[in-house]
């Protein structure tokens, strides 16, 4: 799990990149929401990414494309399905590698 420092208390907060795709991720939006960090990793790798604020819940990633091709299948129940089941394996590997359990990210 990646870690980030809480800007309020200075404590270390552990999270999983999968939460950026989950309506109830980041403690249903009550914890430190790190969706922007996941988006940044994907964009740095050349993907076009769009996220969306789900009402009072957390912000989730709803689109990932490369070269104009949408990589989240249309049949995906966005916000509920496990991203490890529907994302291409190269994206899962990228996020696993770049958002490792050893790294503390700035919030």
PDB file of N, CA and C in Angstrom:
ATOM      1  N   UNK A   1       0.828  -1.183   0.000  1.00  0.00           N
ATOM      2  CA  UNK A   1       0.000   0.000   0.000  1.00  0.00           C
ATOM      3  C   UNK A   1       0.872   1.245   0.000  1.00  0.00           C
ATOM      4  N   UNK A   2       0.516   2.207  -0.849  1.00  0.00           N
ATOM      5  CA  UNK A   2       1.229   3.480  -0.749  1.00  0.00           C
ATOM      6  C   UNK A   2       0.821   4.185   0.545  1.00  0.00           C
ATOM      7  N   UNK A   3       1.610   5.146   0.912  1.00  0.00           N
ATOM      8  CA  UNK A   3       1.353   5.906   2.130  1.00  0.00           C
ATOM      9  C   UNK A   3       1.414   7.387   1.787  1.00  0.00           C
ATOM     10  N   UNK A   4       0.686   8.181   2.514  1.00  0.00           N
ATOM     11  CA  UNK A   4       0.769   9.627   2.354  1.00  0.00           C
ATOM     12  C   UNK A   4       0.680  10.273   3.721  1.00  0.00           C
ATOM     13  N   UNK A   5       1.268  11.440   3.824  1.00  0.00           N
ATOM     14  CA  UNK A   5       1.256  12.159   5.089  1.00  0.00           C
ATOM     15  C   UNK A   5       0.007  13.022   5.171  1.00  0.00           C
ATOM     16  N   UNK A   6      -0.696  12.929   6.261  1.00  0.00           N
ATOM     17  CA  UNK A   6      -1.903  13.726   6.474  1.00  0.00           C
ATOM     18  C   UNK A   6      -1.498  15.189   6.682  1.00  0.00           C
ATOM     19  N   UNK A   7      -2.050  16.099   5.873  1.00  0.00           N
ATOM     20  CA  UNK A   7      -1.676  17.507   6.026  1.00  0.00           C
ATOM     21  C   UNK A   7      -2.196  18.130   7.323  1.00  0.00           C
ATOM     22  N   UNK A   8      -3.179  17.506   7.947  1.00  0.00           N
ATOM     23  CA  UNK A   8      -3.756  18.038   9.180  1.00  0.00           C
ATOM     24  C   UNK A   8      -2.993  17.589  10.417  1.00  0.00           C
ATOM     25  N   UNK A   9      -2.789  16.254  10.530  1.00  0.00           N
ATOM     26  CA  UNK A   9      -2.181  15.737  11.760  1.00  0.00           C
ATOM     27  C   UNK A   9      -0.728  15.297  11.592  1.00  0.00           C
ATOM     28  N   UNK A  10      -0.270  15.178  10.337  1.00  0.00           N
ATOM     29  CA  UNK A  10       1.104  14.744  10.093  1.00  0.00           C
ATOM     30  C   UNK A  10       1.288  13.241  10.178  1.00  0.00           C
ATOM     31  N   UNK A  11       0.216  12.512  10.463  1.00  0.00           N
ATOM     32  CA  UNK A  11       0.295  11.059  10.533  1.00  0.00           C
ATOM     33  C   UNK A  11       0.396  10.440   9.138  1.00  0.00           C
ATOM     34  N   UNK A  12       0.796   9.190   9.095  1.00  0.00           N
ATOM     35  CA  UNK A  12       0.923   8.475   7.830  1.00  0.00           C
ATOM     36  C   UNK A  12      -0.361   7.689   7.566  1.00  0.00           C
ATOM     37  N   UNK A  13      -0.923   7.902   6.392  1.00  0.00           N
ATOM     38  CA  UNK A  13      -2.182   7.283   5.974  1.00  0.00           C
ATOM     39  C   UNK A  13      -1.880   6.253   4.890  1.00  0.00           C
ATOM     40  N   UNK A  14      -2.296   5.006   5.080  1.00  0.00           N
ATOM     41  CA  UNK A  14      -2.101   3.957   4.077  1.00  0.00           C
ATOM     42  C   UNK A  14      -3.348   3.852   3.214  1.00  0.00           C
ATOM     43  N   UNK A  15      -3.159   3.613   1.929  1.00  0.00           N
ATOM     44  CA  UNK A  15      -4.277   3.494   0.999  1.00  0.00           C
ATOM     45  C   UNK A  15      -3.888   2.565  -0.144  1.00  0.00           C
ATOM     46  N   UNK A  16      -4.863   2.216  -0.979  1.00  0.00           N
ATOM     47  CA  UNK A  16      -4.617   1.349  -2.132  1.00  0.00           C
ATOM     48  C   UNK A  16      -5.083   2.086  -3.389  1.00  0.00           C
ATOM     49  N   UNK A  17      -4.349   1.920  -4.494  1.00  0.00           N
ATOM     50  CA  UNK A  17      -4.732   2.624  -5.725  1.00  0.00           C
ATOM     51  C   UNK A  17      -6.119   2.235  -6.199  1.00  0.00           C
ATOM     52  N   UNK A  18      -6.566   1.030  -5.884  1.00  0.00           N
ATOM     53  CA  UNK A  18      -7.887   0.562  -6.300  1.00  0.00           C
ATOM     54  C   UNK A  18      -9.009   1.456  -5.759  1.00  0.00           C
ATOM     55  N   UNK A  19      -8.743   2.149  -4.645  1.00  0.00           N
ATOM     56  CA  UNK A  19      -9.749   3.027  -4.052  1.00  0.00           C
ATOM     57  C   UNK A  19     -10.124   4.191  -4.965  1.00  0.00           C
ATOM     58  N   UNK A  20      -9.243   4.540  -5.894  1.00  0.00           N
ATOM     59  CA  UNK A  20      -9.525   5.622  -6.839  1.00  0.00           C
ATOM     60  C   UNK A  20     -10.577   5.223  -7.871  1.00  0.00           C
ATOM     61  N   UNK A  21     -10.964   3.954  -7.887  1.00  0.00           N
ATOM     62  CA  UNK A  21     -11.979   3.442  -8.810  1.00  0.00           C
ATOM     63  C   UNK A  21     -13.239   2.997  -8.056  1.00  0.00           C
ATOM     64  N   UNK A  22     -13.267   3.178  -6.756  1.00  0.00           N
ATOM     65  CA  UNK A  22     -14.306   2.621  -5.889  1.00  0.00           C
ATOM     66  C   UNK A  22     -15.168   3.727  -5.294  1.00  0.00           C
ATOM     67  N   UNK A  23     -16.480   3.653  -5.518  1.00  0.00           N
ATOM     68  CA  UNK A  23     -17.394   4.644  -4.961  1.00  0.00           C
ATOM     69  C   UNK A  23     -17.203   4.792  -3.453  1.00  0.00           C
ATOM     70  N   UNK A  24     -16.885   3.697  -2.790  1.00  0.00           N
ATOM     71  CA  UNK A  24     -16.738   3.729  -1.342  1.00  0.00           C
ATOM     72  C   UNK A  24     -15.280   3.780  -0.895  1.00  0.00           C
ATOM     73  N   UNK A  25     -14.371   4.034  -1.846  1.00  0.00           N
ATOM     74  CA  UNK A  25     -12.947   4.090  -1.532  1.00  0.00           C
ATOM     75  C   UNK A  25     -12.600   5.269  -0.629  1.00  0.00           C
ATOM     76  N   UNK A  26     -11.407   5.199  -0.077  1.00  0.00           N
ATOM     77  CA  UNK A  26     -10.905   6.243   0.820  1.00  0.00           C
ATOM     78  C   UNK A  26     -11.920   6.523   1.928  1.00  0.00           C
ATOM     79  N   UNK A  27     -12.380   5.398   2.521  1.00  0.00           N
ATOM     80  CA  UNK A  27     -13.354   5.486   3.616  1.00  0.00           C
ATOM     81  C   UNK A  27     -14.585   6.278   3.177  1.00  0.00           C
ATOM     82  N   UNK A  28     -15.082   5.939   1.994  1.00  0.00           N
ATOM     83  CA  UNK A  28     -16.267   6.581   1.410  1.00  0.00           C
ATOM     84  C   UNK A  28     -16.061   8.091   1.257  1.00  0.00           C
ATOM     85  N   UNK A  29     -14.816   8.479   0.989  1.00  0.00           N
ATOM     86  CA  UNK A  29     -14.502   9.884   0.783  1.00  0.00           C
ATOM     87  C   UNK A  29     -14.227  10.650   2.064  1.00  0.00           C
ATOM     88  N   UNK A  30     -14.277   9.971   3.187  1.00  0.00           N
ATOM     89  CA  UNK A  30     -14.044  10.628   4.476  1.00  0.00           C
ATOM     90  C   UNK A  30     -12.562  10.685   4.838  1.00  0.00           C
ATOM     91  N   UNK A  31     -11.747   9.823   4.216  1.00  0.00           N
ATOM     92  CA  UNK A  31     -10.301   9.832   4.464  1.00  0.00           C
ATOM     93  C   UNK A  31      -9.632  10.751   3.455  1.00  0.00           C
ATOM     94  N   UNK A  32      -8.345  10.770   3.492  1.00  0.00           N
ATOM     95  CA  UNK A  32      -7.554  11.533   2.547  1.00  0.00           C
ATOM     96  C   UNK A  32      -7.710  10.895   1.166  1.00  0.00           C
ATOM     97  N   UNK A  33      -8.400  11.559   0.256  1.00  0.00           N
ATOM     98  CA  UNK A  33      -8.670  11.028  -1.082  1.00  0.00           C
ATOM     99  C   UNK A  33      -7.442  11.252  -1.961  1.00  0.00           C
ATOM    100  N   UNK A  34      -6.911  10.158  -2.509  1.00  0.00           N
ATOM    101  CA  UNK A  34      -5.661  10.207  -3.280  1.00  0.00           C
ATOM    102  C   UNK A  34      -5.868   9.907  -4.761  1.00  0.00           C
ATOM    103  N   UNK A  35      -7.073  10.093  -5.260  1.00  0.00           N
ATOM    104  CA  UNK A  35      -7.369   9.835  -6.665  1.00  0.00           C
ATOM    105  C   UNK A  35      -6.447  10.641  -7.581  1.00  0.00           C
ATOM    106  N   UNK A  36      -6.141  11.880  -7.227  1.00  0.00           N
ATOM    107  CA  UNK A  36      -5.269  12.706  -8.064  1.00  0.00           C
ATOM    108  C   UNK A  36      -3.890  12.083  -8.246  1.00  0.00           C
ATOM    109  N   UNK A  37      -3.398  11.398  -7.236  1.00  0.00           N
ATOM    110  CA  UNK A  37      -2.092  10.736  -7.345  1.00  0.00           C
ATOM    111  C   UNK A  37      -2.145   9.593  -8.357  1.00  0.00           C
ATOM    112  N   UNK A  38      -3.247   8.844  -8.358  1.00  0.00           N
ATOM    113  CA  UNK A  38      -3.413   7.744  -9.310  1.00  0.00           C
ATOM    114  C   UNK A  38      -3.538   8.312 -10.723  1.00  0.00           C
ATOM    115  N   UNK A  39      -4.321   9.368 -10.874  1.00  0.00           N
ATOM    116  CA  UNK A  39      -4.464  10.038 -12.171  1.00  0.00           C
ATOM    117  C   UNK A  39      -3.098  10.503 -12.674  1.00  0.00           C
ATOM    118  N   UNK A  40      -2.298  11.098 -11.802  1.00  0.00           N
ATOM    119  CA  UNK A  40      -0.975  11.605 -12.195  1.00  0.00           C
ATOM    120  C   UNK A  40      -0.071  10.496 -12.716  1.00  0.00           C
ATOM    121  N   UNK A  41      -0.089   9.339 -12.065  1.00  0.00           N
ATOM    122  CA  UNK A  41       0.726   8.203 -12.518  1.00  0.00           C
ATOM    123  C   UNK A  41       0.293   7.776 -13.918  1.00  0.00           C
ATOM    124  N   UNK A  42      -1.012   7.677 -14.121  1.00  0.00           N
ATOM    125  CA  UNK A  42      -1.529   7.256 -15.429  1.00  0.00           C
ATOM    126  C   UNK A  42      -1.219   8.282 -16.518  1.00  0.00           C
ATOM    127  N   UNK A  43      -1.400   9.558 -16.211  1.00  0.00           N
ATOM    128  CA  UNK A  43      -1.120  10.604 -17.202  1.00  0.00           C
ATOM    129  C   UNK A  43       0.360  10.668 -17.541  1.00  0.00           C
ATOM    130  N   UNK A  44       1.222  10.499 -16.566  1.00  0.00           N
ATOM    131  CA  UNK A  44       2.663  10.494 -16.808  1.00  0.00           C
ATOM    132  C   UNK A  44       3.049   9.360 -17.764  1.00  0.00           C
ATOM    133  N   UNK A  45       2.292   8.254 -17.718  1.00  0.00           N
ATOM    134  CA  UNK A  45       2.554   7.106 -18.591  1.00  0.00           C
ATOM    135  C   UNK A  45       1.891   7.270 -19.970  1.00  0.00           C
ATOM    136  N   UNK A  46       1.235   8.400 -20.205  1.00  0.00           N
ATOM    137  CA  UNK A  46       0.672   8.674 -21.525  1.00  0.00           C
ATOM    138  C   UNK A  46      -0.800   8.376 -21.696  1.00  0.00           C
ATOM    139  N   UNK A  47      -1.488   8.086 -20.603  1.00  0.00           N
ATOM    140  CA  UNK A  47      -2.921   7.810 -20.686  1.00  0.00           C
ATOM    141  C   UNK A  47      -3.712   9.105 -20.511  1.00  0.00           C
ATOM    142  N   UNK A  48      -4.858   9.174 -21.163  1.00  0.00           N
ATOM    143  CA  UNK A  48      -5.813  10.256 -20.947  1.00  0.00           C
ATOM    144  C   UNK A  48      -6.796   9.757 -19.894  1.00  0.00           C
ATOM    145  N   UNK A  49      -6.955  10.523 -18.832  1.00  0.00           N
ATOM    146  CA  UNK A  49      -7.742  10.055 -17.688  1.00  0.00           C
ATOM    147  C   UNK A  49      -8.774  11.119 -17.316  1.00  0.00           C
ATOM    148  N   UNK A  50      -9.954  10.642 -16.963  1.00  0.00           N
ATOM    149  CA  UNK A  50     -10.994  11.544 -16.467  1.00  0.00           C
ATOM    150  C   UNK A  50     -11.543  10.974 -15.169  1.00  0.00           C
ATOM    151  N   UNK A  51     -11.622  11.848 -14.160  1.00  0.00           N
ATOM    152  CA  UNK A  51     -12.206  11.445 -12.883  1.00  0.00           C
ATOM    153  C   UNK A  51     -13.462  12.271 -12.644  1.00  0.00           C
ATOM    154  N   UNK A  52     -14.243  11.823 -11.654  1.00  0.00           N
ATOM    155  CA  UNK A  52     -15.530  12.445 -11.395  1.00  0.00           C
ATOM    156  C   UNK A  52     -15.811  12.404  -9.903  1.00  0.00           C
ATOM    157  N   UNK A  53     -16.303  13.513  -9.383  1.00  0.00           N
ATOM    158  CA  UNK A  53     -16.684  13.601  -7.967  1.00  0.00           C
ATOM    159  C   UNK A  53     -18.065  12.985  -7.812  1.00  0.00           C
ATOM    160  N   UNK A  54     -18.157  11.881  -7.071  1.00  0.00           N
ATOM    161  CA  UNK A  54     -19.417  11.157  -6.911  1.00  0.00           C
ATOM    162  C   UNK A  54     -20.167  11.712  -5.705  1.00  0.00           C
ATOM    163  N   UNK A  55     -20.893  12.791  -5.915  1.00  0.00           N
ATOM    164  CA  UNK A  55     -21.664  13.425  -4.831  1.00  0.00           C
ATOM    165  C   UNK A  55     -20.793  13.638  -3.612  1.00  0.00           C
ATOM    166  N   UNK A  56     -21.304  13.269  -2.436  1.00  0.00           N
ATOM    167  CA  UNK A  56     -20.505  13.452  -1.227  1.00  0.00           C
ATOM    168  C   UNK A  56     -19.441  12.365  -1.054  1.00  0.00           C
ATOM    169  N   UNK A  57     -19.455  11.391  -1.951  1.00  0.00           N
ATOM    170  CA  UNK A  57     -18.481  10.300  -1.867  1.00  0.00           C
ATOM    171  C   UNK A  57     -17.167  10.752  -2.484  1.00  0.00           C
ATOM    172  N   UNK A  58     -16.239   9.829  -2.598  1.00  0.00           N
ATOM    173  CA  UNK A  58     -14.936  10.223  -3.104  1.00  0.00           C
ATOM    174  C   UNK A  58     -14.939  10.444  -4.607  1.00  0.00           C
ATOM    175  N   UNK A  59     -13.848  10.972  -5.098  1.00  0.00           N
ATOM    176  CA  UNK A  59     -13.637  11.173  -6.528  1.00  0.00           C
ATOM    177  C   UNK A  59     -13.123   9.863  -7.107  1.00  0.00           C
ATOM    178  N   UNK A  60     -13.724   9.432  -8.228  1.00  0.00           N
ATOM    179  CA  UNK A  60     -13.312   8.168  -8.831  1.00  0.00           C
ATOM    180  C   UNK A  60     -12.896   8.372 -10.282  1.00  0.00           C
ATOM    181  N   UNK A  61     -12.041   7.484 -10.752  1.00  0.00           N
ATOM    182  CA  UNK A  61     -11.621   7.490 -12.155  1.00  0.00           C
ATOM    183  C   UNK A  61     -12.714   6.793 -12.958  1.00  0.00           C
ATOM    184  N   UNK A  62     -13.193   7.481 -14.018  1.00  0.00           N
ATOM    185  CA  UNK A  62     -14.274   6.923 -14.822  1.00  0.00           C
ATOM    186  C   UNK A  62     -13.866   6.635 -16.263  1.00  0.00           C
ATOM    187  N   UNK A  63     -12.746   7.187 -16.707  1.00  0.00           N
ATOM    188  CA  UNK A  63     -12.277   6.931 -18.069  1.00  0.00           C
ATOM    189  C   UNK A  63     -10.760   6.889 -18.108  1.00  0.00           C
ATOM    190  N   UNK A  64     -10.241   5.933 -18.866  1.00  0.00           N
ATOM    191  CA  UNK A  64      -8.816   5.862 -19.176  1.00  0.00           C
ATOM    192  C   UNK A  64      -8.741   5.517 -20.656  1.00  0.00           C
ATOM    193  N   UNK A  65      -8.000   6.322 -21.409  1.00  0.00           N
ATOM    194  CA  UNK A  65      -7.865   6.077 -22.848  1.00  0.00           C
ATOM    195  C   UNK A  65      -6.411   6.246 -23.264  1.00  0.00           C
ATOM    196  N   UNK A  66      -6.071   5.596 -24.349  1.00  0.00           N
ATOM    197  CA  UNK A  66      -4.746   5.761 -24.958  1.00  0.00           C
ATOM    198  C   UNK A  66      -4.943   5.712 -26.464  1.00  0.00           C
ATOM    199  N   UNK A  67      -4.393   6.708 -27.141  1.00  0.00           N
ATOM    200  CA  UNK A  67      -4.523   6.821 -28.593  1.00  0.00           C
ATOM    201  C   UNK A  67      -5.993   6.787 -29.018  1.00  0.00           C
ATOM    202  N   UNK A  68      -6.858   7.410 -28.207  1.00  0.00           N
ATOM    203  CA  UNK A  68      -8.273   7.496 -28.525  1.00  0.00           C
ATOM    204  C   UNK A  68      -9.093   6.258 -28.228  1.00  0.00           C
ATOM    205  N   UNK A  69      -8.459   5.229 -27.689  1.00  0.00           N
ATOM    206  CA  UNK A  69      -9.168   3.981 -27.384  1.00  0.00           C
ATOM    207  C   UNK A  69      -9.485   3.939 -25.898  1.00  0.00           C
ATOM    208  N   UNK A  70     -10.775   3.791 -25.583  1.00  0.00           N
ATOM    209  CA  UNK A  70     -11.219   3.692 -24.191  1.00  0.00           C
ATOM    210  C   UNK A  70     -10.791   2.334 -23.630  1.00  0.00           C
ATOM    211  N   UNK A  71     -10.132   2.341 -22.471  1.00  0.00           N
ATOM    212  CA  UNK A  71      -9.582   1.121 -21.885  1.00  0.00           C
ATOM    213  C   UNK A  71     -10.404   0.556 -20.728  1.00  0.00           C
ATOM    214  N   UNK A  72     -11.433   1.275 -20.314  1.00  0.00           N
ATOM    215  CA  UNK A  72     -12.375   0.730 -19.342  1.00  0.00           C
ATOM    216  C   UNK A  72     -13.556   0.213 -20.153  1.00  0.00           C
ATOM    217  N   UNK A  73     -13.793  -1.085 -20.136  1.00  0.00           N
ATOM    218  CA  UNK A  73     -14.866  -1.656 -20.951  1.00  0.00           C
ATOM    219  C   UNK A  73     -16.235  -1.035 -20.637  1.00  0.00           C
ATOM    220  N   UNK A  74     -17.053  -0.863 -21.664  1.00  0.00           N
ATOM    221  CA  UNK A  74     -18.374  -0.244 -21.527  1.00  0.00           C
ATOM    222  C   UNK A  74     -19.272  -0.986 -20.543  1.00  0.00           C
ATOM    223  N   UNK A  75     -19.090  -2.287 -20.413  1.00  0.00           N
ATOM    224  CA  UNK A  75     -19.944  -3.086 -19.520  1.00  0.00           C
ATOM    225  C   UNK A  75     -19.551  -2.965 -18.047  1.00  0.00           C
ATOM    226  N   UNK A  76     -18.481  -2.254 -17.765  1.00  0.00           N
ATOM    227  CA  UNK A  76     -18.000  -2.113 -16.385  1.00  0.00           C
ATOM    228  C   UNK A  76     -18.996  -1.337 -15.536  1.00  0.00           C
ATOM    229  N   UNK A  77     -19.261  -1.833 -14.361  1.00  0.00           N
ATOM    230  CA  UNK A  77     -20.088  -1.120 -13.393  1.00  0.00           C
ATOM    231  C   UNK A  77     -19.145  -0.214 -12.600  1.00  0.00           C
ATOM    232  N   UNK A  78     -18.896   0.948 -13.163  1.00  0.00           N
ATOM    233  CA  UNK A  78     -17.905   1.876 -12.602  1.00  0.00           C
ATOM    234  C   UNK A  78     -18.304   2.269 -11.185  1.00  0.00           C
ATOM    235  N   UNK A  79     -17.313   2.226 -10.321  1.00  0.00           N
ATOM    236  CA  UNK A  79     -17.526   2.555  -8.914  1.00  0.00           C
ATOM    237  C   UNK A  79     -17.785   1.334  -8.054  1.00  0.00           C
ATOM    238  N   UNK A  80     -18.096   0.209  -8.694  1.00  0.00           N
ATOM    239  CA  UNK A  80     -18.429  -1.006  -7.955  1.00  0.00           C
ATOM    240  C   UNK A  80     -17.545  -2.194  -8.343  1.00  0.00           C
ATOM    241  N   UNK A  81     -17.239  -2.352  -9.629  1.00  0.00           N
ATOM    242  CA  UNK A  81     -16.412  -3.484 -10.067  1.00  0.00           C
ATOM    243  C   UNK A  81     -14.968  -3.293  -9.631  1.00  0.00           C
ATOM    244  N   UNK A  82     -14.265  -4.395  -9.422  1.00  0.00           N
ATOM    245  CA  UNK A  82     -12.859  -4.379  -9.023  1.00  0.00           C
ATOM    246  C   UNK A  82     -12.002  -4.006 -10.234  1.00  0.00           C
ATOM    247  N   UNK A  83     -11.237  -2.903 -10.154  1.00  0.00           N
ATOM    248  CA  UNK A  83     -10.440  -2.491 -11.311  1.00  0.00           C
ATOM    249  C   UNK A  83      -9.401  -3.528 -11.745  1.00  0.00           C
ATOM    250  N   UNK A  84      -8.993  -4.395 -10.847  1.00  0.00           N
ATOM    251  CA  UNK A  84      -8.057  -5.461 -11.226  1.00  0.00           C
ATOM    252  C   UNK A  84      -8.705  -6.461 -12.192  1.00  0.00           C
ATOM    253  N   UNK A  85     -10.034  -6.508 -12.197  1.00  0.00           N
ATOM    254  CA  UNK A  85     -10.748  -7.421 -13.084  1.00  0.00           C
ATOM    255  C   UNK A  85     -10.991  -6.839 -14.476  1.00  0.00           C
ATOM    256  N   UNK A  86     -11.050  -5.512 -14.604  1.00  0.00           N
ATOM    257  CA  UNK A  86     -11.400  -4.934 -15.907  1.00  0.00           C
ATOM    258  C   UNK A  86     -10.306  -4.083 -16.551  1.00  0.00           C
ATOM    259  N   UNK A  87      -9.335  -3.611 -15.786  1.00  0.00           N
ATOM    260  CA  UNK A  87      -8.266  -2.821 -16.396  1.00  0.00           C
ATOM    261  C   UNK A  87      -7.282  -3.732 -17.129  1.00  0.00           C
ATOM    262  N   UNK A  88      -6.704  -3.226 -18.220  1.00  0.00           N
ATOM    263  CA  UNK A  88      -5.672  -4.013 -18.900  1.00  0.00           C
ATOM    264  C   UNK A  88      -4.512  -4.315 -17.944  1.00  0.00           C
ATOM    265  N   UNK A  89      -3.908  -5.478 -18.125  1.00  0.00           N
ATOM    266  CA  UNK A  89      -2.847  -5.919 -17.210  1.00  0.00           C
ATOM    267  C   UNK A  89      -1.686  -4.936 -17.150  1.00  0.00           C
ATOM    268  N   UNK A  90      -1.401  -4.231 -18.250  1.00  0.00           N
ATOM    269  CA  UNK A  90      -0.290  -3.272 -18.216  1.00  0.00           C
ATOM    270  C   UNK A  90      -0.595  -2.079 -17.313  1.00  0.00           C
ATOM    271  N   UNK A  91      -1.854  -1.696 -17.195  1.00  0.00           N
ATOM    272  CA  UNK A  91      -2.219  -0.607 -16.280  1.00  0.00           C
ATOM    273  C   UNK A  91      -2.127  -1.084 -14.836  1.00  0.00           C
ATOM    274  N   UNK A  92      -2.618  -2.275 -14.562  1.00  0.00           N
ATOM    275  CA  UNK A  92      -2.521  -2.834 -13.209  1.00  0.00           C
ATOM    276  C   UNK A  92      -1.053  -2.934 -12.795  1.00  0.00           C
ATOM    277  N   UNK A  93      -0.208  -3.442 -13.691  1.00  0.00           N
ATOM    278  CA  UNK A  93       1.225  -3.569 -13.385  1.00  0.00           C
ATOM    279  C   UNK A  93       1.857  -2.198 -13.146  1.00  0.00           C
ATOM    280  N   UNK A  94       1.495  -1.212 -13.952  1.00  0.00           N
ATOM    281  CA  UNK A  94       2.012   0.150 -13.795  1.00  0.00           C
ATOM    282  C   UNK A  94       1.638   0.706 -12.421  1.00  0.00           C
ATOM    283  N   UNK A  95       0.375   0.592 -12.049  1.00  0.00           N
ATOM    284  CA  UNK A  95      -0.066   1.133 -10.767  1.00  0.00           C
ATOM    285  C   UNK A  95       0.537   0.372  -9.597  1.00  0.00           C
ATOM    286  N   UNK A  96       0.651  -0.939  -9.723  1.00  0.00           N
ATOM    287  CA  UNK A  96       1.308  -1.725  -8.667  1.00  0.00           C
ATOM    288  C   UNK A  96       2.765  -1.298  -8.497  1.00  0.00           C
ATOM    289  N   UNK A  97       3.432  -1.040  -9.599  1.00  0.00           N
ATOM    290  CA  UNK A  97       4.846  -0.676  -9.560  1.00  0.00           C
ATOM    291  C   UNK A  97       5.049   0.754  -9.043  1.00  0.00           C
ATOM    292  N   UNK A  98       4.273   1.689  -9.572  1.00  0.00           N
ATOM    293  CA  UNK A  98       4.480   3.103  -9.249  1.00  0.00           C
ATOM    294  C   UNK A  98       3.905   3.510  -7.891  1.00  0.00           C
ATOM    295  N   UNK A  99       2.917   2.790  -7.429  1.00  0.00           N
ATOM    296  CA  UNK A  99       2.297   3.108  -6.140  1.00  0.00           C
ATOM    297  C   UNK A  99       2.566   1.965  -5.177  1.00  0.00           C
ATOM    298  N   UNK A 100       3.849   1.779  -4.913  1.00  0.00           N
ATOM    299  CA  UNK A 100       4.289   0.662  -4.073  1.00  0.00           C
ATOM    300  C   UNK A 100       4.056   0.944  -2.599  1.00  0.00           C
ATOM    301  N   UNK A 101       4.153  -0.121  -1.831  1.00  0.00           N
ATOM    302  CA  UNK A 101       3.942   0.004  -0.388  1.00  0.00           C
ATOM    303  C   UNK A 101       5.083   0.713   0.319  1.00  0.00           C
ATOM    304  N   UNK A 102       6.206   0.880  -0.336  1.00  0.00           N
ATOM    305  CA  UNK A 102       7.376   1.475   0.309  1.00  0.00           C
ATOM    306  C   UNK A 102       7.414   2.991   0.220  1.00  0.00           C
ATOM    307  N   UNK A 103       6.598   3.559  -0.628  1.00  0.00           N
ATOM    308  CA  UNK A 103       6.728   4.978  -0.920  1.00  0.00           C
ATOM    309  C   UNK A 103       5.734   5.819  -0.115  1.00  0.00           C
ATOM    310  N   UNK A 104       6.207   6.959   0.406  1.00  0.00           N
ATOM    311  CA  UNK A 104       5.338   7.940   1.054  1.00  0.00           C
ATOM    312  C   UNK A 104       5.168   9.082   0.074  1.00  0.00           C
ATOM    313  N   UNK A 105       3.930   9.345  -0.353  1.00  0.00           N
ATOM    314  CA  UNK A 105       3.642  10.376  -1.329  1.00  0.00           C
ATOM    315  C   UNK A 105       3.202  11.659  -0.639  1.00  0.00           C
ATOM    316  N   UNK A 106       3.512  12.773  -1.255  1.00  0.00           N
ATOM    317  CA  UNK A 106       3.027  14.054  -0.751  1.00  0.00           C
ATOM    318  C   UNK A 106       1.540  14.125  -1.005  1.00  0.00           C
ATOM    319  N   UNK A 107       0.826  14.743  -0.125  1.00  0.00           N
ATOM    320  CA  UNK A 107      -0.629  14.852  -0.321  1.00  0.00           C
ATOM    321  C   UNK A 107      -0.988  16.173  -0.946  1.00  0.00           C
TER     322      UNK A 107
END
